[in-house]
Amino acid sequence: MRVTRAQAEENRERVIETAGRLFRERGFDGVGLNDLMQAAGLTRGGFYGQFESKLDLAVRALSRAQQHNLERWRPLAEQPRQQALQNLIGGYLSRYHQQHPEDGCALAALAVDTARQPEALKEAFTDNLRTFLGFVAELCDGDDEEQREERAMAVLSTLVGALVLSRATDDADLARGLRRAASAAALEAGRK
């Protein structure tokens, strides 16, 4: 049976969304095309009609996942700057975010993995990193844009690093301590 153009686009979107979740959960190399297409409820045969390669899909999925992450945080920009930064830090370093990489920030879930991937994926990661840094800079104090950007780099580096480390340990107390210490440090870095 022939698939309509609308159905093909819906299938494509479902594959991108599914890939974003699976890549954040298992890493780029931890997801095969068969598993990916099965999770999306489709057959492998339809993959190459939609995407040039797994790398093409990974670039799209990374950008989509980070776009969703930014949309989740965007309402914070309507709050007073100090409160918005505190809420971002609290949500980012939450226990839920630690335990659910598939539903969280692609930067923390895929930073280490991306370092070992082809240049196209690193470019997409860098674009997403710059976008999120720009958002965090809006929440940081500072006399000018350059100072806010520098503070945003300190805040985001602290958040991502703490989340990556807390996910890697099997010690719940250590993970909690990492998140708590990073929360205080990130808040201080954004408010200096």
N, C-alpha and C. Protein backbone atom coordinates (compact mmCIF):
# COMPACT_ATOMS: atom_id res chain seq x y z
N MET A 1 0.85 -1.18 0.00
CA MET A 1 0.00 0.00 0.00
C MET A 1 0.89 1.24 0.00
N ARG A 2 0.56 2.18 -0.83
CA ARG A 2 1.33 3.41 -0.99
C ARG A 2 1.01 4.36 0.17
N VAL A 3 2.06 5.00 0.68
CA VAL A 3 1.94 5.94 1.79
C VAL A 3 1.72 7.34 1.23
N THR A 4 0.75 8.05 1.79
CA THR A 4 0.51 9.43 1.34
C THR A 4 1.65 10.33 1.78
N ARG A 5 1.75 11.48 1.15
CA ARG A 5 2.78 12.45 1.51
C ARG A 5 2.63 12.88 2.97
N ALA A 6 1.40 13.08 3.41
CA ALA A 6 1.15 13.48 4.80
C ALA A 6 1.57 12.38 5.76
N GLN A 7 1.26 11.12 5.41
CA GLN A 7 1.64 10.00 6.26
C GLN A 7 3.16 9.84 6.30
N ALA A 8 3.81 10.05 5.16
CA ALA A 8 5.28 9.96 5.11
C ALA A 8 5.91 11.02 6.02
N GLU A 9 5.35 12.23 6.01
CA GLU A 9 5.88 13.29 6.86
C GLU A 9 5.63 12.98 8.33
N GLU A 10 4.47 12.44 8.64
CA GLU A 10 4.17 12.04 10.01
C GLU A 10 5.13 10.94 10.47
N ASN A 11 5.40 9.97 9.61
CA ASN A 11 6.35 8.90 9.93
C ASN A 11 7.75 9.46 10.16
N ARG A 12 8.15 10.40 9.33
CA ARG A 12 9.47 11.02 9.46
C ARG A 12 9.59 11.73 10.81
N GLU A 13 8.58 12.48 11.18
CA GLU A 13 8.58 13.19 12.46
C GLU A 13 8.63 12.20 13.63
N ARG A 14 7.91 11.10 13.51
CA ARG A 14 7.91 10.09 14.56
C ARG A 14 9.30 9.46 14.72
N VAL A 15 9.97 9.23 13.60
CA VAL A 15 11.32 8.66 13.66
C VAL A 15 12.28 9.64 14.31
N ILE A 16 12.19 10.93 13.97
CA ILE A 16 13.07 11.94 14.56
C ILE A 16 12.84 12.03 16.06
N GLU A 17 11.59 12.07 16.48
CA GLU A 17 11.26 12.15 17.91
C GLU A 17 11.75 10.90 18.65
N THR A 18 11.50 9.73 18.08
CA THR A 18 11.92 8.48 18.70
C THR A 18 13.44 8.42 18.79
N ALA A 19 14.11 8.81 17.72
CA ALA A 19 15.58 8.80 17.71
C ALA A 19 16.13 9.73 18.79
N GLY A 20 15.53 10.89 18.94
CA GLY A 20 16.00 11.83 19.96
C GLY A 20 15.94 11.22 21.35
N ARG A 21 14.86 10.53 21.65
CA ARG A 21 14.72 9.90 22.96
C ARG A 21 15.72 8.75 23.12
N LEU A 22 15.81 7.89 22.11
CA LEU A 22 16.70 6.74 22.21
C LEU A 22 18.17 7.16 22.24
N PHE A 23 18.56 8.13 21.43
CA PHE A 23 19.94 8.59 21.44
C PHE A 23 20.31 9.18 22.81
N ARG A 24 19.40 9.97 23.40
CA ARG A 24 19.68 10.53 24.72
C ARG A 24 19.76 9.44 25.78
N GLU A 25 19.00 8.39 25.60
CA GLU A 25 19.00 7.29 26.58
C GLU A 25 20.21 6.37 26.41
N ARG A 26 20.57 6.03 25.15
CA ARG A 26 21.58 5.00 24.90
C ARG A 26 22.84 5.49 24.20
N GLY A 27 22.83 6.73 23.72
CA GLY A 27 23.96 7.22 22.94
C GLY A 27 23.76 6.92 21.46
N PHE A 28 24.52 7.59 20.62
CA PHE A 28 24.36 7.42 19.17
C PHE A 28 24.70 6.01 18.72
N ASP A 29 25.76 5.45 19.27
CA ASP A 29 26.19 4.12 18.84
C ASP A 29 25.42 3.01 19.54
N GLY A 30 24.63 3.34 20.53
CA GLY A 30 23.86 2.34 21.27
C GLY A 30 22.50 2.05 20.67
N VAL A 31 22.22 2.66 19.53
CA VAL A 31 20.91 2.48 18.88
C VAL A 31 21.13 2.05 17.44
N GLY A 32 20.66 0.85 17.11
CA GLY A 32 20.72 0.37 15.73
C GLY A 32 19.47 0.79 14.97
N LEU A 33 19.57 0.77 13.65
CA LEU A 33 18.42 1.17 12.82
C LEU A 33 17.22 0.28 13.03
N ASN A 34 17.44 -1.01 13.18
CA ASN A 34 16.31 -1.92 13.40
C ASN A 34 15.56 -1.57 14.68
N ASP A 35 16.31 -1.37 15.78
CA ASP A 35 15.69 -1.01 17.06
C ASP A 35 14.97 0.33 16.95
N LEU A 36 15.60 1.27 16.30
CA LEU A 36 15.04 2.61 16.14
C LEU A 36 13.72 2.56 15.38
N MET A 37 13.72 1.91 14.25
CA MET A 37 12.50 1.87 13.43
C MET A 37 11.41 1.06 14.12
N GLN A 38 11.79 0.01 14.81
CA GLN A 38 10.80 -0.78 15.55
C GLN A 38 10.17 0.07 16.65
N ALA A 39 11.00 0.85 17.37
CA ALA A 39 10.48 1.71 18.43
C ALA A 39 9.54 2.77 17.87
N ALA A 40 9.79 3.18 16.63
CA ALA A 40 8.92 4.17 15.98
C ALA A 40 7.69 3.51 15.36
N GLY A 41 7.63 2.18 15.41
CA GLY A 41 6.48 1.46 14.85
C GLY A 41 6.53 1.35 13.34
N LEU A 42 7.74 1.38 12.78
CA LEU A 42 7.91 1.32 11.32
C LEU A 42 8.93 0.24 10.96
N THR A 43 9.02 -0.05 9.68
CA THR A 43 10.01 -1.02 9.22
C THR A 43 11.28 -0.32 8.78
N ARG A 44 12.38 -1.05 8.80
CA ARG A 44 13.67 -0.49 8.41
C ARG A 44 13.66 -0.03 6.95
N GLY A 45 12.88 -0.67 6.14
CA GLY A 45 12.84 -0.34 4.72
C GLY A 45 12.48 1.11 4.44
N GLY A 46 11.70 1.71 5.32
CA GLY A 46 11.30 3.09 5.10
C GLY A 46 12.34 4.11 5.52
N PHE A 47 13.39 3.67 6.19
CA PHE A 47 14.38 4.62 6.72
C PHE A 47 15.06 5.43 5.62
N TYR A 48 15.59 4.73 4.62
CA TYR A 48 16.39 5.44 3.62
C TYR A 48 15.56 6.26 2.65
N GLY A 49 14.26 6.08 2.67
CA GLY A 49 13.40 6.96 1.91
C GLY A 49 13.21 8.30 2.61
N GLN A 50 13.52 8.34 3.90
CA GLN A 50 13.32 9.54 4.71
C GLN A 50 14.62 10.25 5.06
N PHE A 51 15.72 9.49 5.19
CA PHE A 51 16.98 10.05 5.68
C PHE A 51 18.13 9.54 4.82
N GLU A 52 19.15 10.37 4.66
CA GLU A 52 20.32 9.98 3.88
C GLU A 52 21.14 8.91 4.60
N SER A 53 21.19 9.00 5.93
CA SER A 53 22.01 8.10 6.71
C SER A 53 21.61 8.20 8.17
N LYS A 54 22.18 7.36 9.00
CA LYS A 54 21.96 7.46 10.44
C LYS A 54 22.52 8.77 10.96
N LEU A 55 23.62 9.24 10.39
CA LEU A 55 24.21 10.53 10.77
C LEU A 55 23.24 11.66 10.48
N ASP A 56 22.60 11.63 9.32
CA ASP A 56 21.61 12.65 8.97
C ASP A 56 20.50 12.66 10.02
N LEU A 57 20.00 11.49 10.38
CA LEU A 57 18.96 11.40 11.41
C LEU A 57 19.48 11.90 12.75
N ALA A 58 20.70 11.54 13.12
CA ALA A 58 21.26 11.95 14.41
C ALA A 58 21.35 13.46 14.51
N VAL A 59 21.76 14.13 13.43
CA VAL A 59 21.84 15.60 13.42
C VAL A 59 20.46 16.19 13.64
N ARG A 60 19.48 15.67 12.93
CA ARG A 60 18.10 16.17 13.06
C ARG A 60 17.53 15.89 14.45
N ALA A 61 17.77 14.70 14.95
CA ALA A 61 17.24 14.32 16.26
C ALA A 61 17.88 15.13 17.38
N LEU A 62 19.18 15.39 17.29
CA LEU A 62 19.86 16.20 18.29
C LEU A 62 19.28 17.60 18.31
N SER A 63 19.11 18.19 17.15
CA SER A 63 18.55 19.54 17.09
C SER A 63 17.12 19.58 17.59
N ARG A 64 16.33 18.60 17.24
CA ARG A 64 14.93 18.56 17.69
C ARG A 64 14.85 18.38 19.20
N ALA A 65 15.67 17.49 19.74
CA ALA A 65 15.65 17.25 21.18
C ALA A 65 16.04 18.51 21.94
N GLN A 66 17.05 19.21 21.47
CA GLN A 66 17.47 20.42 22.15
C GLN A 66 16.44 21.54 21.96
N GLN A 67 15.77 21.57 20.82
CA GLN A 67 14.71 22.54 20.60
C GLN A 67 13.58 22.32 21.61
N HIS A 68 13.20 21.06 21.83
CA HIS A 68 12.18 20.76 22.83
C HIS A 68 12.63 21.18 24.22
N ASN A 69 13.90 20.94 24.52
CA ASN A 69 14.45 21.32 25.82
C ASN A 69 14.35 22.83 26.00
N LEU A 70 14.72 23.58 25.00
CA LEU A 70 14.66 25.03 25.08
C LEU A 70 13.22 25.52 25.22
N GLU A 71 12.30 24.89 24.51
CA GLU A 71 10.88 25.25 24.63
C GLU A 71 10.38 25.01 26.05
N ARG A 72 10.88 23.96 26.68
CA ARG A 72 10.50 23.65 28.06
C ARG A 72 10.95 24.77 29.00
N TRP A 73 12.14 25.31 28.75
CA TRP A 73 12.70 26.33 29.64
C TRP A 73 12.29 27.75 29.25
N ARG A 74 11.87 27.97 28.03
CA ARG A 74 11.58 29.32 27.53
C ARG A 74 10.63 30.12 28.43
N PRO A 75 9.59 29.56 29.02
CA PRO A 75 8.70 30.35 29.89
C PRO A 75 9.42 31.00 31.08
N LEU A 76 10.58 30.48 31.45
CA LEU A 76 11.33 31.09 32.55
C LEU A 76 11.73 32.53 32.23
N ALA A 77 11.91 32.83 30.96
CA ALA A 77 12.35 34.17 30.56
C ALA A 77 11.30 35.23 30.94
N GLU A 78 10.08 34.81 31.22
CA GLU A 78 9.03 35.75 31.62
C GLU A 78 9.10 36.07 33.11
N GLN A 79 9.88 35.32 33.86
CA GLN A 79 10.02 35.55 35.30
C GLN A 79 11.13 36.56 35.55
N PRO A 80 11.16 37.14 36.74
CA PRO A 80 12.31 37.99 37.09
C PRO A 80 13.60 37.19 36.94
N ARG A 81 14.63 37.84 36.48
CA ARG A 81 15.90 37.18 36.14
C ARG A 81 16.42 36.27 37.25
N GLN A 82 16.47 36.75 38.48
CA GLN A 82 17.00 35.95 39.60
C GLN A 82 16.18 34.68 39.82
N GLN A 83 14.86 34.83 39.79
CA GLN A 83 13.98 33.68 39.99
C GLN A 83 14.08 32.71 38.83
N ALA A 84 14.17 33.22 37.62
CA ALA A 84 14.27 32.38 36.43
C ALA A 84 15.54 31.53 36.47
N LEU A 85 16.65 32.15 36.82
CA LEU A 85 17.91 31.40 36.89
C LEU A 85 17.82 30.32 37.97
N GLN A 86 17.28 30.66 39.10
CA GLN A 86 17.15 29.69 40.18
C GLN A 86 16.24 28.53 39.75
N ASN A 87 15.16 28.81 39.06
CA ASN A 87 14.25 27.76 38.61
C ASN A 87 14.89 26.89 37.53
N LEU A 88 15.66 27.50 36.64
CA LEU A 88 16.36 26.73 35.62
C LEU A 88 17.34 25.76 36.29
N ILE A 89 18.13 26.26 37.21
CA ILE A 89 19.12 25.44 37.91
C ILE A 89 18.43 24.31 38.67
N GLY A 90 17.37 24.64 39.40
CA GLY A 90 16.66 23.62 40.16
C GLY A 90 16.08 22.52 39.29
N GLY A 91 15.49 22.91 38.19
CA GLY A 91 14.91 21.91 37.28
C GLY A 91 15.97 21.09 36.57
N TYR A 92 17.01 21.77 36.15
CA TYR A 92 18.07 21.08 35.41
C TYR A 92 18.78 20.05 36.29
N LEU A 93 19.00 20.41 37.53
CA LEU A 93 19.73 19.51 38.44
C LEU A 93 18.79 18.67 39.31
N SER A 94 17.57 18.51 38.85
CA SER A 94 16.60 17.70 39.61
C SER A 94 16.94 16.21 39.52
N ARG A 95 16.44 15.49 40.47
CA ARG A 95 16.62 14.04 40.48
C ARG A 95 15.96 13.42 39.25
N TYR A 96 14.80 13.94 38.88
CA TYR A 96 14.11 13.43 37.69
C TYR A 96 15.00 13.57 36.45
N HIS A 97 15.58 14.76 36.26
CA HIS A 97 16.42 14.99 35.09
C HIS A 97 17.63 14.07 35.11
N GLN A 98 18.17 13.83 36.28
CA GLN A 98 19.30 12.92 36.41
C GLN A 98 18.90 11.51 35.95
N GLN A 99 17.74 11.08 36.35
CA GLN A 99 17.33 9.69 36.11
C GLN A 99 16.64 9.47 34.77
N HIS A 100 16.36 10.52 34.03
CA HIS A 100 15.64 10.38 32.77
C HIS A 100 16.33 11.15 31.63
N PRO A 101 17.50 10.70 31.22
CA PRO A 101 18.18 11.41 30.13
C PRO A 101 17.37 11.41 28.83
N GLU A 102 16.56 10.39 28.63
CA GLU A 102 15.78 10.31 27.40
C GLU A 102 14.77 11.44 27.28
N ASP A 103 14.45 12.08 28.38
CA ASP A 103 13.45 13.14 28.39
C ASP A 103 14.09 14.50 28.72
N GLY A 104 15.40 14.58 28.69
CA GLY A 104 16.06 15.78 29.15
C GLY A 104 16.94 16.44 28.12
N CYS A 105 17.88 17.19 28.62
CA CYS A 105 18.77 18.00 27.81
C CYS A 105 19.71 17.13 26.98
N ALA A 106 19.71 17.35 25.68
CA ALA A 106 20.59 16.60 24.79
C ALA A 106 22.05 16.95 25.03
N LEU A 107 22.31 18.15 25.50
CA LEU A 107 23.70 18.53 25.75
C LEU A 107 24.33 17.64 26.80
N ALA A 108 23.65 17.44 27.91
CA ALA A 108 24.18 16.59 28.98
C ALA A 108 24.16 15.12 28.59
N ALA A 109 23.13 14.70 27.89
CA ALA A 109 23.00 13.30 27.54
C ALA A 109 24.00 12.87 26.47
N LEU A 110 24.39 13.80 25.59
CA LEU A 110 25.17 13.39 24.42
C LEU A 110 26.51 14.09 24.25
N ALA A 111 26.93 14.91 25.21
CA ALA A 111 28.18 15.66 25.05
C ALA A 111 29.37 14.73 24.85
N VAL A 112 29.54 13.76 25.72
CA VAL A 112 30.69 12.87 25.63
C VAL A 112 30.61 12.04 24.36
N ASP A 113 29.43 11.57 24.03
CA ASP A 113 29.22 10.77 22.83
C ASP A 113 29.53 11.59 21.57
N THR A 114 29.11 12.83 21.55
CA THR A 114 29.30 13.68 20.38
C THR A 114 30.78 13.91 20.08
N ALA A 115 31.58 13.97 21.10
CA ALA A 115 33.02 14.20 20.91
C ALA A 115 33.66 13.12 20.04
N ARG A 116 33.04 11.96 19.96
CA ARG A 116 33.58 10.83 19.18
C ARG A 116 32.87 10.65 17.84
N GLN A 117 32.04 11.60 17.47
CA GLN A 117 31.23 11.47 16.26
C GLN A 117 31.78 12.34 15.13
N PRO A 118 31.27 12.15 13.92
CA PRO A 118 31.71 12.95 12.77
C PRO A 118 31.42 14.45 12.94
N GLU A 119 32.12 15.23 12.16
CA GLU A 119 32.06 16.69 12.25
C GLU A 119 30.63 17.24 12.12
N ALA A 120 29.80 16.65 11.27
CA ALA A 120 28.44 17.15 11.08
C ALA A 120 27.65 17.12 12.39
N LEU A 121 27.86 16.10 13.17
CA LEU A 121 27.16 16.00 14.45
C LEU A 121 27.74 17.00 15.46
N LYS A 122 29.05 17.19 15.43
CA LYS A 122 29.67 18.18 16.30
C LYS A 122 29.18 19.59 15.96
N GLU A 123 28.99 19.87 14.68
CA GLU A 123 28.47 21.18 14.27
C GLU A 123 27.05 21.39 14.81
N ALA A 124 26.22 20.37 14.70
CA ALA A 124 24.84 20.48 15.22
C ALA A 124 24.86 20.66 16.73
N PHE A 125 25.72 19.92 17.41
CA PHE A 125 25.85 20.06 18.86
C PHE A 125 26.28 21.48 19.21
N THR A 126 27.26 22.00 18.50
CA THR A 126 27.77 23.36 18.76
C THR A 126 26.68 24.40 18.55
N ASP A 127 25.89 24.26 17.48
CA ASP A 127 24.79 25.19 17.24
C ASP A 127 23.79 25.16 18.40
N ASN A 128 23.48 23.96 18.86
CA ASN A 128 22.53 23.83 19.97
C ASN A 128 23.12 24.37 21.26
N LEU A 129 24.39 24.15 21.47
CA LEU A 129 25.07 24.68 22.65
C LEU A 129 25.02 26.20 22.64
N ARG A 130 25.32 26.81 21.51
CA ARG A 130 25.29 28.28 21.42
C ARG A 130 23.89 28.83 21.68
N THR A 131 22.89 28.15 21.16
CA THR A 131 21.51 28.60 21.37
C THR A 131 21.15 28.55 22.85
N PHE A 132 21.49 27.44 23.52
CA PHE A 132 21.16 27.31 24.94
C PHE A 132 21.97 28.29 25.77
N LEU A 133 23.23 28.50 25.40
CA LEU A 133 24.04 29.50 26.10
C LEU A 133 23.40 30.88 26.00
N GLY A 134 22.89 31.21 24.83
CA GLY A 134 22.22 32.50 24.65
C GLY A 134 21.02 32.63 25.56
N PHE A 135 20.26 31.55 25.69
CA PHE A 135 19.11 31.58 26.59
C PHE A 135 19.56 31.76 28.04
N VAL A 136 20.55 31.01 28.47
CA VAL A 136 21.03 31.11 29.84
C VAL A 136 21.59 32.50 30.10
N ALA A 137 22.24 33.08 29.12
CA ALA A 137 22.79 34.44 29.27
C ALA A 137 21.69 35.45 29.57
N GLU A 138 20.51 35.24 29.01
CA GLU A 138 19.38 36.13 29.28
C GLU A 138 18.98 36.10 30.76
N LEU A 139 19.29 35.01 31.44
CA LEU A 139 18.91 34.84 32.84
C LEU A 139 19.99 35.27 33.82
N CYS A 140 21.20 35.51 33.31
CA CYS A 140 22.33 35.86 34.17
C CYS A 140 22.43 37.37 34.35
N ASP A 141 22.99 37.76 35.50
CA ASP A 141 23.28 39.16 35.75
C ASP A 141 24.53 39.56 34.98
N GLY A 142 24.70 40.85 34.81
CA GLY A 142 25.91 41.35 34.16
C GLY A 142 25.71 42.75 33.66
N ASP A 143 26.82 43.46 33.54
CA ASP A 143 26.77 44.84 33.09
C ASP A 143 26.59 44.96 31.58
N ASP A 144 26.99 43.91 30.86
CA ASP A 144 26.85 43.95 29.40
C ASP A 144 26.70 42.52 28.87
N GLU A 145 26.47 42.41 27.58
CA GLU A 145 26.22 41.11 26.96
C GLU A 145 27.42 40.17 27.12
N GLU A 146 28.61 40.69 26.97
CA GLU A 146 29.81 39.85 27.09
C GLU A 146 29.93 39.24 28.48
N GLN A 147 29.64 40.03 29.50
CA GLN A 147 29.72 39.53 30.87
C GLN A 147 28.63 38.48 31.12
N ARG A 148 27.43 38.71 30.62
CA ARG A 148 26.35 37.73 30.78
C ARG A 148 26.67 36.43 30.04
N GLU A 149 27.28 36.54 28.86
CA GLU A 149 27.66 35.34 28.11
C GLU A 149 28.72 34.53 28.86
N GLU A 150 29.68 35.21 29.42
CA GLU A 150 30.73 34.53 30.19
C GLU A 150 30.12 33.82 31.40
N ARG A 151 29.22 34.48 32.07
CA ARG A 151 28.55 33.86 33.23
C ARG A 151 27.69 32.67 32.79
N ALA A 152 27.04 32.81 31.64
CA ALA A 152 26.24 31.70 31.11
C ALA A 152 27.10 30.48 30.83
N MET A 153 28.31 30.71 30.33
CA MET A 153 29.23 29.59 30.09
C MET A 153 29.58 28.88 31.40
N ALA A 154 29.81 29.66 32.43
CA ALA A 154 30.12 29.06 33.74
C ALA A 154 28.91 28.30 34.28
N VAL A 155 27.74 28.89 34.17
CA VAL A 155 26.52 28.24 34.66
C VAL A 155 26.26 26.95 33.91
N LEU A 156 26.25 27.01 32.59
CA LEU A 156 25.91 25.83 31.80
C LEU A 156 26.97 24.74 31.94
N SER A 157 28.23 25.12 31.99
CA SER A 157 29.29 24.12 32.20
C SER A 157 29.10 23.41 33.54
N THR A 158 28.74 24.15 34.55
CA THR A 158 28.52 23.57 35.88
C THR A 158 27.32 22.63 35.86
N LEU A 159 26.23 23.06 35.23
CA LEU A 159 25.02 22.24 35.17
C LEU A 159 25.26 20.94 34.41
N VAL A 160 25.81 21.05 33.21
CA VAL A 160 26.02 19.87 32.38
C VAL A 160 27.02 18.92 33.05
N GLY A 161 28.12 19.47 33.55
CA GLY A 161 29.12 18.63 34.20
C GLY A 161 28.57 17.88 35.39
N ALA A 162 27.83 18.57 36.22
CA ALA A 162 27.25 17.92 37.41
C ALA A 162 26.25 16.85 37.01
N LEU A 163 25.45 17.12 36.00
CA LEU A 163 24.46 16.14 35.57
C LEU A 163 25.14 14.90 34.98
N VAL A 164 26.15 15.11 34.16
CA VAL A 164 26.89 13.98 33.58
C VAL A 164 27.51 13.12 34.69
N LEU A 165 28.16 13.77 35.64
CA LEU A 165 28.79 13.01 36.74
C LEU A 165 27.75 12.31 37.62
N SER A 166 26.65 12.99 37.91
CA SER A 166 25.64 12.37 38.77
C SER A 166 24.99 11.16 38.10
N ARG A 167 24.92 11.18 36.77
CA ARG A 167 24.36 10.03 36.05
C ARG A 167 25.35 8.87 36.00
N ALA A 168 26.63 9.17 36.09
CA ALA A 168 27.66 8.14 35.94
C ALA A 168 27.94 7.38 37.23
N THR A 169 27.55 7.92 38.37
CA THR A 169 27.85 7.25 39.63
C THR A 169 26.70 6.34 40.06
N ASP A 170 27.07 5.30 40.80
CA ASP A 170 26.04 4.40 41.35
C ASP A 170 25.76 4.73 42.82
N ASP A 171 26.29 5.84 43.30
CA ASP A 171 26.12 6.26 44.69
C ASP A 171 25.12 7.42 44.73
N ALA A 172 23.92 7.13 45.22
CA ALA A 172 22.85 8.14 45.23
C ALA A 172 23.22 9.37 46.08
N ASP A 173 23.91 9.14 47.18
CA ASP A 173 24.31 10.27 48.03
C ASP A 173 25.33 11.16 47.32
N LEU A 174 26.27 10.54 46.64
CA LEU A 174 27.26 11.30 45.88
C LEU A 174 26.57 12.07 44.75
N ALA A 175 25.66 11.44 44.05
CA ALA A 175 24.93 12.11 42.96
C ALA A 175 24.17 13.31 43.50
N ARG A 176 23.50 13.14 44.61
CA ARG A 176 22.74 14.24 45.24
C ARG A 176 23.69 15.36 45.65
N GLY A 177 24.83 15.00 46.23
CA GLY A 177 25.82 15.99 46.64
C GLY A 177 26.37 16.77 45.46
N LEU A 178 26.63 16.08 44.36
CA LEU A 178 27.11 16.75 43.15
C LEU A 178 26.08 17.76 42.64
N ARG A 179 24.84 17.34 42.61
CA ARG A 179 23.78 18.24 42.12
C ARG A 179 23.60 19.43 43.05
N ARG A 180 23.66 19.20 44.34
CA ARG A 180 23.47 20.27 45.32
C ARG A 180 24.63 21.28 45.24
N ALA A 181 25.85 20.78 45.20
CA ALA A 181 27.03 21.67 45.12
C ALA A 181 27.02 22.46 43.81
N ALA A 182 26.67 21.79 42.73
CA ALA A 182 26.63 22.47 41.43
C ALA A 182 25.53 23.52 41.40
N SER A 183 24.43 23.25 42.06
CA SER A 183 23.34 24.22 42.11
C SER A 183 23.80 25.53 42.75
N ALA A 184 24.48 25.41 43.89
CA ALA A 184 24.98 26.61 44.57
C ALA A 184 26.03 27.33 43.72
N ALA A 185 26.93 26.57 43.11
CA ALA A 185 27.99 27.18 42.30
C ALA A 185 27.42 27.85 41.05
N ALA A 186 26.45 27.21 40.42
CA ALA A 186 25.86 27.78 39.20
C ALA A 186 25.10 29.06 39.52
N LEU A 187 24.38 29.05 40.62
CA LEU A 187 23.63 30.25 41.02
C LEU A 187 24.59 31.40 41.30
N GLU A 188 25.67 31.11 41.99
CA GLU A 188 26.67 32.14 42.28
C GLU A 188 27.32 32.64 40.98
N ALA A 189 27.63 31.73 40.08
CA ALA A 189 28.27 32.12 38.81
C ALA A 189 27.38 33.03 37.97
N GLY A 190 26.07 32.79 38.02
CA GLY A 190 25.15 33.59 37.23
C GLY A 190 24.80 34.92 37.85
N ARG A 191 25.09 35.10 39.14
CA ARG A 191 24.67 36.31 39.86
C ARG A 191 25.82 37.23 40.24
N LYS A 192 27.03 36.89 40.01
CA LYS A 192 28.17 37.68 40.50
C LYS A 192 28.04 39.15 40.18
